[in-house]
Amino acid sequence: MKLFPKSVGPYPYLWMLIIFPQFFYNALHVDHLTNRMITVMAGIILIYVFRQMYWLDHSALLIHFQICLAALCVSSVIIDPSMMFYGLGFVFLFGYIERVRDLVLGIVSLTLVYIIVSAISDGSPIAFIRKYQFILFIIQAVIPIAVFLYERTRKLHHQLNQANEQIVSLVKEQERNRFARDLHDTLGHTLTMVILKCELATRLMDKESDQAKLELSEIEAITRTALRQTRELVTSIKYRSLQEELDDTKRFLQNKRISVSVDSPESWPQLGTKSETMLSLALREAVTNVARHSDAKRCTIKIMVQNQKFCLVVDDDGVGFEGDGSAGNGLHTMQERMMLIGGSVEFVKKEPGTTLRFQLPLKKRKVEAGTCES
């Protein structure tokens, strides 16, 4: 049989060393044999109750606490009112009661014991108020209340954490269901059209080549649509921090032997998850173009804020790009990403190199001082 739960460690034995040796010493020095036997029996009852209170809860804990008070009451009447001191360890255990009603009944029982001991020992039920026992009474009344409130708060925090975990689990499950539904409703329908168009183009290839070419061009358009839908679906479930992207960008360009400098404030206005992810992906696309197509030796990345706009500037000294910047080398993809979050991208060709300026409108409360000039 286990004397005490393993989870409480050595503390029960420390309390036993504090409480019971002196208690039995006082009990064995009582003058009359009958009183001596009664107080020794009371001590044995206290040891049993002390052990049981580590295992009990609810009403059983209250009943055992009241038995403890009865034993202390008898001992205090026979020996001395100061014997109530030995209830100190029991009030700590009683504080783990779970119901307010039981806590109140326990405090009331403690008060009644002090009144009874005072009435029998001093002839007045309130005599203990004018003595040191009153301080001991206050301490023994406050301790279970404090333990009760602490345990109640701890349990509420635990329940809150469990509820938060359940909410996170439900959100993840809902997001998985949404993604599966979107995947079925968008890509499933689009890819079915691709299959039908391919079958039709195959049949028309030999007989009606012009019509077959038209079908193939429609297949290309549908495939591009499917690619865009895939990007939107993936982006909707994957968050990418802009700071993480800046760190990866610096390492990427250094590995490509391109000198890179990043000019960004220690903190910037908080962006939404989707906005930050889109900016990160646009930055990745821009840096990829610098590394693959520009033949640049230097690249500068700046983050600034001006006129209620968040600005991200990528500047290089490469060969630039041909045309007006509306297509090619991933530029069209960057435009689409910025349009999804209500932003814009500006391409500036210079000698030498290229400047890409991404701009995203901000709410007034998010704006900080800065400049968007490169």
Protein backbone atom coordinates (compact mmCIF):
# COMPACT_ATOMS: atom_id res chain seq x y z
CA MET A 1 0.00 0.00 0.00
CA LYS A 2 1.35 3.44 -0.94
CA LEU A 3 1.55 5.81 1.98
CA PHE A 4 1.41 8.97 -0.18
CA PRO A 5 1.11 9.71 -3.92
CA LYS A 6 4.46 9.75 -5.74
CA SER A 7 3.60 13.06 -7.39
CA VAL A 8 3.87 15.02 -4.13
CA GLY A 9 7.48 14.05 -3.44
CA PRO A 10 8.95 14.25 0.08
CA TYR A 11 6.65 17.02 1.35
CA PRO A 12 4.19 14.78 3.27
CA TYR A 13 7.06 13.32 5.26
CA LEU A 14 8.39 16.80 6.03
CA TRP A 15 4.98 17.80 7.34
CA MET A 16 4.85 14.63 9.43
CA LEU A 17 8.21 15.51 10.99
CA ILE A 18 6.96 19.03 11.73
CA ILE A 19 3.53 18.12 13.09
CA PHE A 20 3.44 14.76 14.81
CA PRO A 21 6.64 14.31 16.91
CA GLN A 22 5.90 17.37 19.05
CA PHE A 23 2.20 16.53 19.09
CA PHE A 24 2.85 13.07 20.61
CA TYR A 25 5.45 14.53 22.96
CA ASN A 26 2.79 16.87 24.35
CA ALA A 27 0.23 14.03 24.43
CA LEU A 28 2.51 11.69 26.40
CA HIS A 29 3.17 14.34 29.02
CA VAL A 30 -0.46 14.76 30.01
CA ASP A 31 -0.99 14.12 33.72
CA HIS A 32 -4.00 11.82 33.70
CA LEU A 33 -3.77 8.44 31.96
CA THR A 34 -7.22 8.74 30.44
CA ASN A 35 -6.45 12.12 28.93
CA ARG A 36 -3.11 10.78 27.75
CA MET A 37 -4.77 7.89 25.96
CA ILE A 38 -7.39 10.19 24.42
CA THR A 39 -4.79 12.59 23.03
CA VAL A 40 -2.62 9.73 21.75
CA MET A 41 -5.69 8.30 20.01
CA ALA A 42 -6.41 11.75 18.59
CA GLY A 43 -2.83 11.83 17.21
CA ILE A 44 -3.30 8.43 15.55
CA ILE A 45 -6.53 9.68 13.99
CA LEU A 46 -4.69 12.75 12.72
CA ILE A 47 -1.99 10.59 11.08
CA TYR A 48 -4.68 8.53 9.32
CA VAL A 49 -6.60 11.62 8.19
CA PHE A 50 -3.38 13.29 7.05
CA ARG A 51 -2.61 10.33 4.81
CA GLN A 52 -6.17 10.06 3.46
CA MET A 53 -6.46 13.73 2.56
CA TYR A 54 -3.79 13.27 -0.12
CA TRP A 55 -6.07 10.85 -1.97
CA LEU A 56 -9.56 12.32 -1.45
CA ASP A 57 -11.62 15.08 -3.05
CA HIS A 58 -15.12 16.59 -2.92
CA SER A 59 -17.21 15.79 0.16
CA ALA A 60 -14.84 13.04 1.38
CA LEU A 61 -12.08 15.63 1.76
CA LEU A 62 -14.43 17.89 3.72
CA ILE A 63 -15.49 15.06 6.05
CA HIS A 64 -11.90 14.07 6.80
CA PHE A 65 -10.99 17.70 7.45
CA GLN A 66 -13.85 17.93 9.94
CA ILE A 67 -12.60 14.71 11.63
CA CYS A 68 -9.18 16.38 11.87
CA LEU A 69 -10.77 19.44 13.49
CA ALA A 70 -12.61 17.26 15.98
CA ALA A 71 -9.36 15.52 17.01
CA LEU A 72 -7.60 18.89 17.34
CA CYS A 73 -10.51 20.25 19.36
CA VAL A 74 -10.28 17.39 21.88
CA SER A 75 -6.50 17.72 22.14
CA SER A 76 -6.70 21.48 22.58
CA VAL A 77 -9.30 21.19 25.37
CA ILE A 78 -7.30 18.54 27.21
CA ILE A 79 -3.78 19.94 26.77
CA ASP A 80 -3.75 23.56 25.65
CA PRO A 81 -5.47 25.79 23.01
CA SER A 82 -2.10 26.11 21.29
CA MET A 83 -2.54 22.51 20.04
CA MET A 84 -4.63 24.03 17.22
CA PHE A 85 -1.27 24.92 15.66
CA TYR A 86 -0.95 21.31 14.46
CA GLY A 87 -3.82 21.88 12.04
CA LEU A 88 -1.53 23.97 9.84
CA GLY A 89 -0.62 21.12 7.49
CA PHE A 90 -4.25 20.01 7.24
CA VAL A 91 -5.56 23.39 6.08
CA PHE A 92 -3.08 23.31 3.18
CA LEU A 93 -4.51 19.96 2.06
CA PHE A 94 -8.08 21.14 2.56
CA GLY A 95 -7.41 24.02 0.15
CA TYR A 96 -7.52 21.50 -2.72
CA ILE A 97 -11.28 21.13 -2.23
CA GLU A 98 -13.08 21.67 -5.54
CA ARG A 99 -16.42 23.21 -4.55
CA VAL A 100 -17.00 26.62 -2.99
CA ARG A 101 -19.76 25.22 -0.79
CA ASP A 102 -17.39 22.65 0.76
CA LEU A 103 -14.73 25.33 1.25
CA VAL A 104 -17.21 27.52 3.13
CA LEU A 105 -18.35 24.59 5.30
CA GLY A 106 -14.73 23.81 6.14
CA ILE A 107 -13.99 27.42 7.19
CA VAL A 108 -17.18 27.48 9.27
CA SER A 109 -16.15 24.21 10.96
CA LEU A 110 -12.71 25.67 11.73
CA THR A 111 -14.34 28.75 13.27
CA LEU A 112 -16.66 26.64 15.41
CA VAL A 113 -13.72 24.60 16.75
CA TYR A 114 -11.91 27.76 17.82
CA ILE A 115 -15.09 29.02 19.51
CA ILE A 116 -15.62 25.70 21.32
CA VAL A 117 -12.01 25.51 22.51
CA SER A 118 -12.14 29.13 23.67
CA ALA A 119 -15.43 28.63 25.47
CA ILE A 120 -14.24 25.55 27.35
CA SER A 121 -10.68 26.74 28.08
CA ASP A 122 -11.31 30.44 28.79
CA GLY A 123 -15.01 30.54 29.59
CA SER A 124 -15.81 32.81 26.64
CA PRO A 125 -16.43 31.76 23.03
CA ILE A 126 -14.70 34.88 21.71
CA ALA A 127 -11.81 34.98 24.14
CA PHE A 128 -9.41 33.69 21.47
CA ILE A 129 -9.89 36.94 19.52
CA ARG A 130 -7.85 38.77 22.17
CA LYS A 131 -5.04 36.21 22.20
CA TYR A 132 -2.37 34.87 19.85
CA GLN A 133 -4.78 32.11 18.77
CA PHE A 134 -6.63 34.69 16.71
CA ILE A 135 -3.55 35.21 14.49
CA LEU A 136 -3.28 31.44 14.11
CA PHE A 137 -6.98 31.26 13.24
CA ILE A 138 -6.64 33.95 10.56
CA ILE A 139 -3.66 32.13 9.03
CA GLN A 140 -5.48 28.78 9.01
CA ALA A 141 -8.58 30.36 7.49
CA VAL A 142 -6.69 32.24 4.76
CA ILE A 143 -4.44 29.35 3.65
CA PRO A 144 -7.21 27.07 2.23
CA ILE A 145 -8.83 30.04 0.52
CA ALA A 146 -5.53 31.00 -1.12
CA VAL A 147 -4.83 27.40 -2.19
CA PHE A 148 -8.39 27.05 -3.49
CA LEU A 149 -8.12 30.22 -5.60
CA TYR A 150 -4.71 29.22 -6.94
CA GLU A 151 -5.95 25.77 -7.95
CA ARG A 152 -9.10 27.22 -9.49
CA THR A 153 -7.00 29.64 -11.56
CA ARG A 154 -4.58 26.89 -12.60
CA LYS A 155 -7.42 24.64 -13.71
CA LEU A 156 -9.06 27.45 -15.64
CA HIS A 157 -5.78 28.14 -17.45
CA HIS A 158 -5.47 24.43 -18.22
CA GLN A 159 -9.04 24.33 -19.56
CA LEU A 160 -8.34 27.45 -21.62
CA ASN A 161 -5.24 25.85 -23.11
CA GLN A 162 -7.22 22.72 -23.95
CA ALA A 163 -9.95 24.83 -25.55
CA ASN A 164 -7.35 26.71 -27.60
CA GLU A 165 -5.83 23.42 -28.75
CA GLN A 166 -9.27 22.18 -29.78
CA ILE A 167 -9.93 25.42 -31.66
CA VAL A 168 -6.61 25.13 -33.49
CA SER A 169 -7.41 21.51 -34.36
CA LEU A 170 -10.86 22.47 -35.64
CA VAL A 171 -9.43 25.34 -37.68
CA LYS A 172 -6.86 23.02 -39.25
CA GLU A 173 -9.53 20.48 -40.06
CA GLN A 174 -11.76 23.17 -41.55
CA GLU A 175 -8.85 24.50 -43.60
CA ARG A 176 -8.06 21.01 -44.90
CA ASN A 177 -11.70 20.53 -45.88
CA ARG A 178 -11.76 23.95 -47.57
CA PHE A 179 -8.58 23.19 -49.48
CA ALA A 180 -9.90 19.80 -50.60
CA ARG A 181 -13.16 21.39 -51.69
CA ASP A 182 -11.41 24.20 -53.57
CA LEU A 183 -9.07 21.71 -55.21
CA HIS A 184 -12.01 19.62 -56.39
CA ASP A 185 -14.11 22.59 -57.54
CA THR A 186 -11.32 24.43 -59.39
CA LEU A 187 -8.55 22.15 -60.62
CA GLY A 188 -10.87 19.17 -61.04
CA HIS A 189 -13.13 21.08 -63.39
CA THR A 190 -10.23 22.76 -65.22
CA LEU A 191 -8.25 19.55 -65.78
CA THR A 192 -11.38 17.82 -67.04
CA MET A 193 -11.68 20.53 -69.67
CA VAL A 194 -8.03 20.00 -70.63
CA ILE A 195 -8.65 16.28 -71.17
CA LEU A 196 -11.71 16.92 -73.34
CA LYS A 197 -9.89 19.55 -75.39
CA CYS A 198 -6.92 17.22 -75.93
CA GLU A 199 -9.20 14.44 -77.13
CA LEU A 200 -10.94 16.82 -79.53
CA ALA A 201 -7.64 18.23 -80.85
CA THR A 202 -6.37 14.68 -81.46
CA ARG A 203 -9.40 13.85 -83.57
CA LEU A 204 -9.18 17.12 -85.55
CA MET A 205 -5.41 16.99 -86.12
CA ASP A 206 -5.56 15.28 -89.52
CA LYS A 207 -8.94 16.54 -90.78
CA GLU A 208 -9.18 20.16 -89.61
CA SER A 209 -5.73 21.45 -88.69
CA ASP A 210 -6.88 25.04 -88.17
CA GLN A 211 -9.56 23.96 -85.72
CA ALA A 212 -7.03 21.68 -83.99
CA LYS A 213 -4.65 24.62 -83.57
CA LEU A 214 -7.47 26.66 -82.08
CA GLU A 215 -8.23 23.87 -79.60
CA LEU A 216 -4.55 23.61 -78.68
CA SER A 217 -4.37 27.34 -78.02
CA GLU A 218 -7.42 27.03 -75.77
CA ILE A 219 -5.70 24.13 -73.98
CA GLU A 220 -2.72 26.39 -73.35
CA ALA A 221 -4.98 29.10 -71.93
CA ILE A 222 -6.80 26.59 -69.73
CA THR A 223 -3.49 25.19 -68.51
CA ARG A 224 -2.28 28.67 -67.56
CA THR A 225 -5.52 29.16 -65.68
CA ALA A 226 -4.94 25.87 -63.86
CA LEU A 227 -1.41 26.98 -62.96
CA ARG A 228 -2.72 30.27 -61.58
CA GLN A 229 -5.42 28.47 -59.61
CA THR A 230 -2.82 26.13 -58.16
CA ARG A 231 -0.67 29.05 -57.07
CA GLU A 232 -3.66 30.72 -55.43
CA LEU A 233 -4.61 27.54 -53.59
CA VAL A 234 -1.09 26.91 -52.35
CA THR A 235 -0.64 30.54 -51.35
CA SER A 236 -3.87 30.48 -49.35
CA ILE A 237 -2.53 27.76 -47.02
CA LYS A 238 1.16 28.64 -46.81
CA TYR A 239 2.39 31.65 -44.86
CA ARG A 240 5.78 33.14 -45.72
CA SER A 241 7.38 35.78 -43.49
CA LEU A 242 8.97 38.72 -45.30
CA GLN A 243 11.88 38.73 -42.84
CA GLU A 244 12.48 35.03 -43.54
CA GLU A 245 12.43 35.76 -47.26
CA LEU A 246 14.92 38.60 -46.85
CA ASP A 247 17.31 36.32 -44.99
CA ASP A 248 16.98 33.57 -47.62
CA THR A 249 17.39 36.12 -50.40
CA LYS A 250 20.66 37.37 -48.97
CA ARG A 251 22.08 33.86 -48.75
CA PHE A 252 20.81 32.99 -52.23
CA LEU A 253 22.44 35.98 -53.94
CA GLN A 254 25.69 35.52 -52.03
CA ASN A 255 25.83 31.92 -53.22
CA LYS A 256 25.41 33.25 -56.78
CA ARG A 257 28.41 35.55 -56.16
CA ILE A 258 26.25 38.67 -56.36
CA SER A 259 27.01 41.44 -53.88
CA VAL A 260 23.84 42.15 -51.91
CA SER A 261 22.83 44.80 -49.38
CA VAL A 262 19.54 44.85 -47.47
CA ASP A 263 18.33 48.19 -46.14
CA SER A 264 15.32 47.66 -43.86
CA PRO A 265 14.09 49.21 -40.61
CA GLU A 266 14.22 47.26 -37.37
CA SER A 267 10.44 47.03 -37.50
CA TRP A 268 7.80 47.87 -40.07
CA PRO A 269 4.00 48.14 -40.08
CA GLN A 270 2.25 44.87 -39.45
CA LEU A 271 0.99 43.28 -42.66
CA GLY A 272 -1.73 40.73 -43.12
CA THR A 273 -0.74 37.10 -43.59
CA LYS A 274 -1.79 37.05 -47.24
CA SER A 275 -0.14 40.40 -48.00
CA GLU A 276 3.16 39.41 -46.41
CA THR A 277 3.14 36.06 -48.18
CA MET A 278 2.48 37.67 -51.57
CA LEU A 279 5.22 40.26 -51.04
CA SER A 280 7.62 37.49 -50.07
CA LEU A 281 6.80 35.49 -53.19
CA ALA A 282 7.11 38.57 -55.39
CA LEU A 283 10.51 39.32 -53.85
CA ARG A 284 11.60 35.75 -54.52
CA GLU A 285 10.52 36.05 -58.16
CA ALA A 286 12.38 39.35 -58.55
CA VAL A 287 15.57 37.99 -57.00
CA THR A 288 15.36 34.87 -59.14
CA ASN A 289 15.26 37.10 -62.24
CA VAL A 290 18.30 39.01 -60.99
CA ALA A 291 20.26 35.80 -60.49
CA ARG A 292 19.25 34.06 -63.73
CA HIS A 293 18.74 36.73 -66.36
CA SER A 294 20.31 40.06 -65.40
CA ASP A 295 23.99 39.08 -65.23
CA ALA A 296 24.19 41.54 -62.30
CA LYS A 297 27.15 41.97 -59.97
CA ARG A 298 25.29 43.95 -57.32
CA CYS A 299 21.77 43.96 -55.89
CA THR A 300 20.20 46.30 -53.33
CA ILE A 301 16.94 45.60 -51.48
CA LYS A 302 15.18 48.37 -49.55
CA ILE A 303 12.05 48.44 -47.40
CA MET A 304 10.43 51.85 -46.76
CA VAL A 305 7.09 53.47 -45.96
CA GLN A 306 5.71 56.67 -47.45
CA ASN A 307 2.30 58.20 -48.11
CA GLN A 308 0.44 55.30 -46.48
CA LYS A 309 2.22 52.77 -48.70
CA PHE A 310 4.57 49.91 -47.87
CA CYS A 311 7.41 49.89 -50.41
CA LEU A 312 9.79 47.12 -51.35
CA VAL A 313 12.51 48.10 -53.88
CA VAL A 314 14.83 45.68 -55.68
CA ASP A 315 17.65 47.38 -57.61
CA ASP A 316 20.42 45.71 -59.66
CA ASP A 317 23.17 46.72 -62.07
CA GLY A 318 22.47 44.03 -64.67
CA VAL A 319 21.58 44.15 -68.35
CA GLY A 320 17.95 45.09 -67.75
CA PHE A 321 15.01 43.66 -69.70
CA GLU A 322 13.49 44.13 -73.09
CA GLY A 323 10.07 45.63 -73.77
CA ASP A 324 7.78 47.53 -71.44
CA GLY A 325 8.07 45.11 -68.55
CA SER A 326 4.55 43.79 -68.81
CA ALA A 327 5.57 40.24 -69.56
CA GLY A 328 8.53 37.90 -69.56
CA ASN A 329 10.96 36.74 -66.91
CA GLY A 330 8.23 36.33 -64.31
CA LEU A 331 7.22 40.01 -64.41
CA HIS A 332 3.64 39.15 -65.25
CA THR A 333 3.52 36.78 -62.26
CA MET A 334 4.74 39.55 -59.95
CA GLN A 335 2.02 41.86 -61.24
CA GLU A 336 -0.63 39.23 -60.58
CA ARG A 337 0.61 38.65 -57.04
CA MET A 338 0.50 42.35 -56.19
CA MET A 339 -2.93 42.76 -57.75
CA LEU A 340 -4.30 40.01 -55.48
CA ILE A 341 -3.48 42.11 -52.41
CA GLY A 342 -4.41 45.48 -53.88
CA GLY A 343 -0.82 46.51 -54.57
CA SER A 344 1.21 47.38 -57.64
CA VAL A 345 4.64 46.84 -59.13
CA GLU A 346 6.64 49.37 -61.11
CA PHE A 347 9.49 48.43 -63.49
CA VAL A 348 12.14 51.03 -64.19
CA LYS A 349 14.89 50.36 -66.74
CA LYS A 350 18.10 52.29 -66.25
CA GLU A 351 21.70 52.23 -67.40
CA PRO A 352 22.84 49.88 -66.18
CA GLY A 353 20.32 47.63 -64.50
CA THR A 354 16.69 47.51 -63.44
CA THR A 355 14.65 48.76 -60.49
CA LEU A 356 11.49 46.97 -59.35
CA ARG A 357 9.31 48.88 -56.89
CA PHE A 358 6.51 46.99 -55.13
CA GLN A 359 3.93 49.16 -53.35
CA LEU A 360 1.11 48.12 -51.01
CA PRO A 361 -1.43 50.57 -49.50
CA LEU A 362 -1.56 50.59 -45.71
CA LYS A 363 -4.18 51.64 -43.22
CA LYS A 364 -3.50 54.97 -41.53
CA ARG A 365 -2.88 53.42 -38.13
CA LYS A 366 -0.10 51.24 -39.58
CA VAL A 367 1.89 53.99 -41.28
CA GLU A 368 5.32 55.06 -40.08
CA ALA A 369 7.72 57.68 -41.42
CA GLY A 370 9.90 56.73 -44.37
CA THR A 371 10.48 57.11 -48.05
CA CYS A 372 9.76 55.04 -51.12
CA GLU A 373 12.42 56.62 -53.22
CA SER A 374 15.09 54.17 -54.36
